[in-house]
Full PDB file with SEQRES, HELIX, SHEET, SSBOND, CRYST1, ORIGX, SCALE, CONECT and MASTER records, all heavy atoms in Angstrom:
SEQRES   1 A   31  LEU VAL VAL ARG ALA PHE ASP PRO ASP GLY LYS GLU VAL          
SEQRES   2 A   31  LEU PHE GLU GLY ALA ASN ASP PRO LYS THR PRO LEU SER          
SEQRES   3 A   31  GLN GLY TRP LEU ARG                                          
SHEET    1 AA1 2 VAL A   2  VAL A   3  0                                        
SHEET    2 AA1 2 SER A  26  GLN A  27 -1                                        
SHEET    1 AA2 2 ALA A   5  PHE A   6  0                                        
SHEET    2 AA2 2 GLU A  12  VAL A  13 -1                                        
CRYST1    1.000    1.000    1.000  90.00  90.00  90.00 P 1           1          
ORIGX1      1.000000  0.000000  0.000000        0.00000                         
ORIGX2      0.000000  1.000000  0.000000        0.00000                         
ORIGX3      0.000000  0.000000  1.000000        0.00000                         
SCALE1      1.000000  0.000000  0.000000        0.00000                         
SCALE2      0.000000  1.000000  0.000000        0.00000                         
SCALE3      0.000000  0.000000  1.000000        0.00000                         
ATOM      1  N   LEU A   1      90.291 191.213 123.064  1.00  0.00           N  
ATOM      2  CA  LEU A   1      91.212 191.504 122.042  1.00  0.00           C  
ATOM      3  C   LEU A   1      92.177 190.366 121.753  1.00  0.00           C  
ATOM      4  O   LEU A   1      92.690 189.778 122.768  1.00  0.00           O  
ATOM      5  CB  LEU A   1      91.946 192.768 122.391  1.00  0.00           C  
ATOM      6  CG  LEU A   1      91.075 194.041 122.692  1.00  0.00           C  
ATOM      7  CD1 LEU A   1      92.152 195.219 122.970  1.00  0.00           C  
ATOM      8  CD2 LEU A   1      90.282 194.361 121.484  1.00  0.00           C  
ATOM      9  N   VAL A   2      92.394 190.045 120.565  1.00  0.00           N  
ATOM     10  CA  VAL A   2      93.223 188.919 120.186  1.00  0.00           C  
ATOM     11  C   VAL A   2      94.225 189.445 119.215  1.00  0.00           C  
ATOM     12  O   VAL A   2      93.876 189.948 118.046  1.00  0.00           O  
ATOM     13  CB  VAL A   2      92.396 187.764 119.591  1.00  0.00           C  
ATOM     14  CG1 VAL A   2      93.311 186.476 119.363  1.00  0.00           C  
ATOM     15  CG2 VAL A   2      91.211 187.383 120.373  1.00  0.00           C  
ATOM     16  N   VAL A   3      95.493 189.313 119.471  1.00  0.00           N  
ATOM     17  CA  VAL A   3      96.633 189.616 118.652  1.00  0.00           C  
ATOM     18  C   VAL A   3      97.017 188.368 117.944  1.00  0.00           C  
ATOM     19  O   VAL A   3      97.358 187.347 118.474  1.00  0.00           O  
ATOM     20  CB  VAL A   3      97.792 190.256 119.417  1.00  0.00           C  
ATOM     21  CG1 VAL A   3      98.948 190.630 118.402  1.00  0.00           C  
ATOM     22  CG2 VAL A   3      97.356 191.637 120.185  1.00  0.00           C  
ATOM     23  N   ARG A   4      97.069 188.378 116.613  1.00  0.00           N  
ATOM     24  CA  ARG A   4      97.239 187.224 115.756  1.00  0.00           C  
ATOM     25  C   ARG A   4      98.226 187.380 114.662  1.00  0.00           C  
ATOM     26  O   ARG A   4      98.633 188.514 114.376  1.00  0.00           O  
ATOM     27  CB  ARG A   4      95.864 186.882 115.133  1.00  0.00           C  
ATOM     28  CG  ARG A   4      94.677 186.809 116.069  1.00  0.00           C  
ATOM     29  CD  ARG A   4      93.253 186.768 115.482  1.00  0.00           C  
ATOM     30  NE  ARG A   4      92.999 185.547 114.826  1.00  0.00           N  
ATOM     31  CZ  ARG A   4      91.848 185.358 114.123  1.00  0.00           C  
ATOM     32  NH1 ARG A   4      91.025 186.360 113.997  1.00  0.00           N  
ATOM     33  NH2 ARG A   4      91.640 184.168 113.598  1.00  0.00           N  
ATOM     34  N   ALA A   5      98.762 186.252 114.171  1.00  0.00           N  
ATOM     35  CA  ALA A   5      99.739 186.265 113.051  1.00  0.00           C  
ATOM     36  C   ALA A   5      99.240 185.398 111.984  1.00  0.00           C  
ATOM     37  O   ALA A   5      98.640 184.261 112.227  1.00  0.00           O  
ATOM     38  CB  ALA A   5     101.194 185.790 113.479  1.00  0.00           C  
ATOM     39  N   PHE A   6      99.451 185.852 110.732  1.00  0.00           N  
ATOM     40  CA  PHE A   6      98.963 185.138 109.528  1.00  0.00           C  
ATOM     41  C   PHE A   6     100.184 185.039 108.583  1.00  0.00           C  
ATOM     42  O   PHE A   6     100.886 185.984 108.333  1.00  0.00           O  
ATOM     43  CB  PHE A   6      97.818 185.844 108.886  1.00  0.00           C  
ATOM     44  CG  PHE A   6      96.500 185.787 109.675  1.00  0.00           C  
ATOM     45  CD1 PHE A   6      96.278 186.659 110.638  1.00  0.00           C  
ATOM     46  CD2 PHE A   6      95.549 184.834 109.350  1.00  0.00           C  
ATOM     47  CE1 PHE A   6      95.078 186.653 111.401  1.00  0.00           C  
ATOM     48  CE2 PHE A   6      94.379 184.728 110.052  1.00  0.00           C  
ATOM     49  CZ  PHE A   6      94.129 185.662 111.061  1.00  0.00           C  
ATOM     50  N   ASP A   7     100.290 183.828 107.973  1.00  0.00           N  
ATOM     51  CA  ASP A   7     101.435 183.680 107.005  1.00  0.00           C  
ATOM     52  C   ASP A   7     101.032 184.239 105.664  1.00  0.00           C  
ATOM     53  O   ASP A   7      99.951 184.752 105.455  1.00  0.00           O  
ATOM     54  CB  ASP A   7     101.691 182.145 106.939  1.00  0.00           C  
ATOM     55  CG  ASP A   7     100.682 181.277 106.246  1.00  0.00           C  
ATOM     56  OD1 ASP A   7      99.794 181.864 105.565  1.00  0.00           O  
ATOM     57  OD2 ASP A   7     100.747 180.020 106.384  1.00  0.00           O  
ATOM     58  N   PRO A   8     102.010 184.230 104.690  1.00  0.00           N  
ATOM     59  CA  PRO A   8     101.679 184.910 103.359  1.00  0.00           C  
ATOM     60  C   PRO A   8     100.457 184.300 102.670  1.00  0.00           C  
ATOM     61  O   PRO A   8      99.959 184.907 101.783  1.00  0.00           O  
ATOM     62  CB  PRO A   8     103.002 184.679 102.677  1.00  0.00           C  
ATOM     63  CG  PRO A   8     104.110 184.543 103.626  1.00  0.00           C  
ATOM     64  CD  PRO A   8     103.463 183.816 104.822  1.00  0.00           C  
ATOM     65  N   ASP A   9     100.077 183.006 103.036  1.00  0.00           N  
ATOM     66  CA  ASP A   9      98.995 182.352 102.332  1.00  0.00           C  
ATOM     67  C   ASP A   9      97.590 182.713 103.024  1.00  0.00           C  
ATOM     68  O   ASP A   9      96.593 182.236 102.699  1.00  0.00           O  
ATOM     69  CB  ASP A   9      99.191 180.842 102.235  1.00  0.00           C  
ATOM     70  CG  ASP A   9     100.277 180.466 101.410  1.00  0.00           C  
ATOM     71  OD1 ASP A   9     100.562 181.228 100.354  1.00  0.00           O  
ATOM     72  OD2 ASP A   9     100.951 179.496 101.686  1.00  0.00           O  
ATOM     73  N   GLY A  10      97.730 183.559 104.146  1.00  0.00           N  
ATOM     74  CA  GLY A  10      96.505 183.876 104.851  1.00  0.00           C  
ATOM     75  C   GLY A  10      96.076 182.941 105.897  1.00  0.00           C  
ATOM     76  O   GLY A  10      94.991 183.014 106.491  1.00  0.00           O  
ATOM     77  N   LYS A  11      96.953 181.867 106.206  1.00  0.00           N  
ATOM     78  CA  LYS A  11      96.691 180.939 107.285  1.00  0.00           C  
ATOM     79  C   LYS A  11      97.144 181.476 108.593  1.00  0.00           C  
ATOM     80  O   LYS A  11      98.227 181.911 108.727  1.00  0.00           O  
ATOM     81  CB  LYS A  11      97.345 179.604 106.976  1.00  0.00           C  
ATOM     82  CG  LYS A  11      97.077 178.526 107.952  1.00  0.00           C  
ATOM     83  CD  LYS A  11      97.712 177.197 107.638  1.00  0.00           C  
ATOM     84  CE  LYS A  11      97.457 176.122 108.679  1.00  0.00           C  
ATOM     85  NZ  LYS A  11      98.258 174.882 108.349  1.00  0.00           N  
ATOM     86  N   GLU A  12      96.286 181.328 109.675  1.00  0.00           N  
ATOM     87  CA  GLU A  12      96.739 181.782 110.950  1.00  0.00           C  
ATOM     88  C   GLU A  12      97.746 180.903 111.494  1.00  0.00           C  
ATOM     89  O   GLU A  12      97.701 179.646 111.403  1.00  0.00           O  
ATOM     90  CB  GLU A  12      95.493 181.864 111.914  1.00  0.00           C  
ATOM     91  CG  GLU A  12      95.935 182.385 113.271  1.00  0.00           C  
ATOM     92  CD  GLU A  12      94.653 182.776 114.217  1.00  0.00           C  
ATOM     93  OE1 GLU A  12      93.670 182.350 113.896  1.00  0.00           O  
ATOM     94  OE2 GLU A  12      95.029 183.414 115.200  1.00  0.00           O  
ATOM     95  N   VAL A  13      98.751 181.530 112.222  1.00  0.00           N  
ATOM     96  CA  VAL A  13      99.881 180.775 112.848  1.00  0.00           C  
ATOM     97  C   VAL A  13      99.447 180.738 114.393  1.00  0.00           C  
ATOM     98  O   VAL A  13      99.342 181.735 115.057  1.00  0.00           O  
ATOM     99  CB  VAL A  13     101.255 181.491 112.681  1.00  0.00           C  
ATOM    100  CG1 VAL A  13     102.278 180.689 113.416  1.00  0.00           C  
ATOM    101  CG2 VAL A  13     101.480 181.586 111.201  1.00  0.00           C  
ATOM    102  N   LEU A  14      99.362 179.465 114.875  1.00  0.00           N  
ATOM    103  CA  LEU A  14      98.934 179.324 116.269  1.00  0.00           C  
ATOM    104  C   LEU A  14     100.181 178.724 117.026  1.00  0.00           C  
ATOM    105  O   LEU A  14     101.102 178.208 116.375  1.00  0.00           O  
ATOM    106  CB  LEU A  14      97.777 178.384 116.466  1.00  0.00           C  
ATOM    107  CG  LEU A  14      96.516 179.000 115.945  1.00  0.00           C  
ATOM    108  CD1 LEU A  14      95.380 177.896 115.897  1.00  0.00           C  
ATOM    109  CD2 LEU A  14      95.978 180.167 116.678  1.00  0.00           C  
ATOM    110  N   PHE A  15     100.173 178.827 118.338  1.00  0.00           N  
ATOM    111  CA  PHE A  15     101.410 178.470 119.090  1.00  0.00           C  
ATOM    112  C   PHE A  15     101.008 177.608 120.310  1.00  0.00           C  
ATOM    113  O   PHE A  15      99.943 177.598 120.767  1.00  0.00           O  
ATOM    114  CB  PHE A  15     102.119 179.820 119.624  1.00  0.00           C  
ATOM    115  CG  PHE A  15     102.424 180.732 118.476  1.00  0.00           C  
ATOM    116  CD1 PHE A  15     101.534 181.684 118.137  1.00  0.00           C  
ATOM    117  CD2 PHE A  15     103.695 180.651 117.911  1.00  0.00           C  
ATOM    118  CE1 PHE A  15     101.830 182.576 116.962  1.00  0.00           C  
ATOM    119  CE2 PHE A  15     104.058 181.570 116.863  1.00  0.00           C  
ATOM    120  CZ  PHE A  15     103.080 182.503 116.447  1.00  0.00           C  
ATOM    121  N   GLU A  16     102.047 176.949 120.824  1.00  0.00           N  
ATOM    122  CA  GLU A  16     101.928 176.151 122.064  1.00  0.00           C  
ATOM    123  C   GLU A  16     101.976 177.116 123.212  1.00  0.00           C  
ATOM    124  O   GLU A  16     103.008 177.641 123.519  1.00  0.00           O  
ATOM    125  CB  GLU A  16     102.998 175.122 122.130  1.00  0.00           C  
ATOM    126  CG  GLU A  16     102.873 174.244 123.336  1.00  0.00           C  
ATOM    127  CD  GLU A  16     101.879 173.088 123.211  1.00  0.00           C  
ATOM    128  OE1 GLU A  16     101.669 172.688 122.054  1.00  0.00           O  
ATOM    129  OE2 GLU A  16     101.388 172.583 124.220  1.00  0.00           O  
ATOM    130  N   GLY A  17     100.826 177.318 123.838  1.00  0.00           N  
ATOM    131  CA  GLY A  17     100.778 178.228 124.959  1.00  0.00           C  
ATOM    132  C   GLY A  17     100.857 177.588 126.331  1.00  0.00           C  
ATOM    133  O   GLY A  17     100.636 176.434 126.404  1.00  0.00           O  
ATOM    134  N   ALA A  18     100.898 178.406 127.337  1.00  0.00           N  
ATOM    135  CA  ALA A  18     100.932 177.901 128.695  1.00  0.00           C  
ATOM    136  C   ALA A  18      99.556 177.366 129.081  1.00  0.00           C  
ATOM    137  O   ALA A  18      99.426 176.369 129.918  1.00  0.00           O  
ATOM    138  CB  ALA A  18     101.301 179.001 129.682  1.00  0.00           C  
ATOM    139  N   ASN A  19      98.488 177.938 128.562  1.00  0.00           N  
ATOM    140  CA  ASN A  19      97.059 177.502 128.888  1.00  0.00           C  
ATOM    141  C   ASN A  19      96.348 176.743 127.841  1.00  0.00           C  
ATOM    142  O   ASN A  19      95.271 176.315 128.064  1.00  0.00           O  
ATOM    143  CB  ASN A  19      96.293 178.742 129.315  1.00  0.00           C  
ATOM    144  CG  ASN A  19      96.796 179.412 130.640  1.00  0.00           C  
ATOM    145  OD1 ASN A  19      97.250 178.667 131.573  1.00  0.00           O  
ATOM    146  ND2 ASN A  19      96.761 180.678 130.660  1.00  0.00           N  
ATOM    147  N   ASP A  20      96.959 176.778 126.623  1.00  0.00           N  
ATOM    148  CA  ASP A  20      96.192 176.164 125.482  1.00  0.00           C  
ATOM    149  C   ASP A  20      97.201 175.687 124.463  1.00  0.00           C  
ATOM    150  O   ASP A  20      98.130 176.417 124.131  1.00  0.00           O  
ATOM    151  CB  ASP A  20      95.253 177.253 124.938  1.00  0.00           C  
ATOM    152  CG  ASP A  20      94.235 176.546 124.023  1.00  0.00           C  
ATOM    153  OD1 ASP A  20      94.519 175.942 122.975  1.00  0.00           O  
ATOM    154  OD2 ASP A  20      92.939 176.719 124.364  1.00  0.00           O  
ATOM    155  N   PRO A  21      97.014 174.513 123.839  1.00  0.00           N  
ATOM    156  CA  PRO A  21      98.023 173.977 122.896  1.00  0.00           C  
ATOM    157  C   PRO A  21      97.948 174.665 121.582  1.00  0.00           C  
ATOM    158  O   PRO A  21      98.882 174.474 120.822  1.00  0.00           O  
ATOM    159  CB  PRO A  21      97.696 172.469 122.857  1.00  0.00           C  
ATOM    160  CG  PRO A  21      96.213 172.348 123.205  1.00  0.00           C  
ATOM    161  CD  PRO A  21      96.097 173.502 124.260  1.00  0.00           C  
ATOM    162  N   LYS A  22      96.890 175.499 121.311  1.00  0.00           N  
ATOM    163  CA  LYS A  22      96.788 176.232 120.022  1.00  0.00           C  
ATOM    164  C   LYS A  22      96.217 177.549 120.342  1.00  0.00           C  
ATOM    165  O   LYS A  22      95.084 177.899 120.529  1.00  0.00           O  
ATOM    166  CB  LYS A  22      95.775 175.485 119.102  1.00  0.00           C  
ATOM    167  CG  LYS A  22      96.144 174.149 118.658  1.00  0.00           C  
ATOM    168  CD  LYS A  22      95.101 173.600 117.751  1.00  0.00           C  
ATOM    169  CE  LYS A  22      95.496 172.126 117.288  1.00  0.00           C  
ATOM    170  NZ  LYS A  22      94.351 171.445 116.484  1.00  0.00           N  
ATOM    171  N   THR A  23      97.227 178.490 120.522  1.00  0.00           N  
ATOM    172  CA  THR A  23      96.850 179.788 121.035  1.00  0.00           C  
ATOM    173  C   THR A  23      97.435 180.901 120.159  1.00  0.00           C  
ATOM    174  O   THR A  23      98.440 180.736 119.466  1.00  0.00           O  
ATOM    175  CB  THR A  23      97.423 180.044 122.416  1.00  0.00           C  
ATOM    176  OG1 THR A  23      96.931 181.210 122.993  1.00  0.00           O  
ATOM    177  CG2 THR A  23      98.944 179.977 122.515  1.00  0.00           C  
ATOM    178  N   PRO A  24      96.704 182.026 120.022  1.00  0.00           N  
ATOM    179  CA  PRO A  24      97.228 183.210 119.244  1.00  0.00           C  
ATOM    180  C   PRO A  24      98.381 183.835 119.974  1.00  0.00           C  
ATOM    181  O   PRO A  24      98.835 183.440 121.068  1.00  0.00           O  
ATOM    182  CB  PRO A  24      96.053 184.150 119.109  1.00  0.00           C  
ATOM    183  CG  PRO A  24      95.196 183.860 120.355  1.00  0.00           C  
ATOM    184  CD  PRO A  24      95.464 182.355 120.646  1.00  0.00           C  
ATOM    185  N   LEU A  25      98.938 184.915 119.296  1.00  0.00           N  
ATOM    186  CA  LEU A  25     100.066 185.617 119.924  1.00  0.00           C  
ATOM    187  C   LEU A  25      99.785 186.133 121.399  1.00  0.00           C  
ATOM    188  O   LEU A  25     100.579 186.013 122.261  1.00  0.00           O  
ATOM    189  CB  LEU A  25     100.461 186.767 119.015  1.00  0.00           C  
ATOM    190  CG  LEU A  25     101.317 186.453 117.763  1.00  0.00           C  
ATOM    191  CD1 LEU A  25     101.623 187.670 116.992  1.00  0.00           C  
ATOM    192  CD2 LEU A  25     102.564 185.818 118.165  1.00  0.00           C  
ATOM    193  N   SER A  26      98.670 186.752 121.515  1.00  0.00           N  
ATOM    194  CA  SER A  26      98.382 187.339 122.840  1.00  0.00           C  
ATOM    195  C   SER A  26      96.777 187.656 122.828  1.00  0.00           C  
ATOM    196  O   SER A  26      96.172 187.811 121.864  1.00  0.00           O  
ATOM    197  CB  SER A  26      99.174 188.588 123.087  1.00  0.00           C  
ATOM    198  OG  SER A  26      99.069 188.939 124.486  1.00  0.00           O  
ATOM    199  N   GLN A  27      96.312 187.930 124.138  1.00  0.00           N  
ATOM    200  CA  GLN A  27      95.002 188.360 124.334  1.00  0.00           C  
ATOM    201  C   GLN A  27      94.831 189.300 125.452  1.00  0.00           C  
ATOM    202  O   GLN A  27      95.716 189.333 126.320  1.00  0.00           O  
ATOM    203  CB  GLN A  27      94.115 186.949 124.614  1.00  0.00           C  
ATOM    204  CG  GLN A  27      94.159 186.017 123.445  1.00  0.00           C  
ATOM    205  CD  GLN A  27      93.200 184.866 123.772  1.00  0.00           C  
ATOM    206  OE1 GLN A  27      91.983 185.082 123.841  1.00  0.00           O  
ATOM    207  NE2 GLN A  27      93.748 183.630 123.814  1.00  0.00           N  
ATOM    208  N   GLY A  28      93.731 189.999 125.359  1.00  0.00           N  
ATOM    209  CA  GLY A  28      93.454 190.958 126.547  1.00  0.00           C  
ATOM    210  C   GLY A  28      91.974 191.131 126.660  1.00  0.00           C  
ATOM    211  O   GLY A  28      91.104 190.802 125.718  1.00  0.00           O  
ATOM    212  N   TRP A  29      91.517 191.539 127.881  1.00  0.00           N  
ATOM    213  CA  TRP A  29      90.089 191.628 128.121  1.00  0.00           C  
ATOM    214  C   TRP A  29      89.783 192.847 128.930  1.00  0.00           C  
ATOM    215  O   TRP A  29      90.579 193.275 129.717  1.00  0.00           O  
ATOM    216  CB  TRP A  29      89.528 190.380 128.907  1.00  0.00           C  
ATOM    217  CG  TRP A  29      89.871 189.047 128.442  1.00  0.00           C  
ATOM    218  CD1 TRP A  29      89.095 188.277 127.659  1.00  0.00           C  
ATOM    219  CD2 TRP A  29      91.096 188.340 128.559  1.00  0.00           C  
ATOM    220  NE1 TRP A  29      89.809 187.073 127.355  1.00  0.00           N  
ATOM    221  CE2 TRP A  29      90.981 187.061 127.824  1.00  0.00           C  
ATOM    222  CE3 TRP A  29      92.333 188.583 129.300  1.00  0.00           C  
ATOM    223  CZ2 TRP A  29      91.942 186.146 127.867  1.00  0.00           C  
ATOM    224  CZ3 TRP A  29      93.267 187.613 129.189  1.00  0.00           C  
ATOM    225  CH2 TRP A  29      93.091 186.425 128.455  1.00  0.00           C  
ATOM    226  N   LEU A  30      88.557 193.315 128.750  1.00  0.00           N  
ATOM    227  CA  LEU A  30      88.089 194.508 129.715  1.00  0.00           C  
ATOM    228  C   LEU A  30      86.545 194.511 129.597  1.00  0.00           C  
ATOM    229  O   LEU A  30      85.964 194.487 128.526  1.00  0.00           O  
ATOM    230  CB  LEU A  30      88.664 195.857 129.255  1.00  0.00           C  
ATOM    231  CG  LEU A  30      88.313 196.909 130.131  1.00  0.00           C  
ATOM    232  CD1 LEU A  30      88.846 196.783 131.565  1.00  0.00           C  
ATOM    233  CD2 LEU A  30      88.710 198.314 129.569  1.00  0.00           C  
ATOM    234  N   ARG A  31      85.893 194.651 130.749  1.00  0.00           N  
ATOM    235  CA  ARG A  31      84.514 194.856 130.877  1.00  0.00           C  
ATOM    236  C   ARG A  31      84.438 196.476 130.833  1.00  0.00           C  
ATOM    237  O   ARG A  31      84.985 197.130 131.626  1.00  0.00           O  
ATOM    238  CB  ARG A  31      83.842 194.326 132.088  1.00  0.00           C  
ATOM    239  CG  ARG A  31      82.397 194.650 132.349  1.00  0.00           C  
ATOM    240  CD  ARG A  31      81.742 193.650 133.165  1.00  0.00           C  
ATOM    241  NE  ARG A  31      81.589 192.361 132.482  1.00  0.00           N  
ATOM    242  CZ  ARG A  31      80.976 191.329 133.039  1.00  0.00           C  
ATOM    243  NH1 ARG A  31      80.386 191.338 134.272  1.00  0.00           N  
ATOM    244  NH2 ARG A  31      80.818 190.199 132.369  1.00  0.00           N  
TER     245      ARG A  31                                                      
MASTER        0    0    0    0    4    0    0    6  244    1    0    3          
END                                                                             
């Protein structure tokens, strides 16, 4: 699961994360 943000033009906004320099808002996983 990936929680993401998009600007009014439909472009995704990525962030400087602890583990990746271009990361979405948040993520989660489950088997």
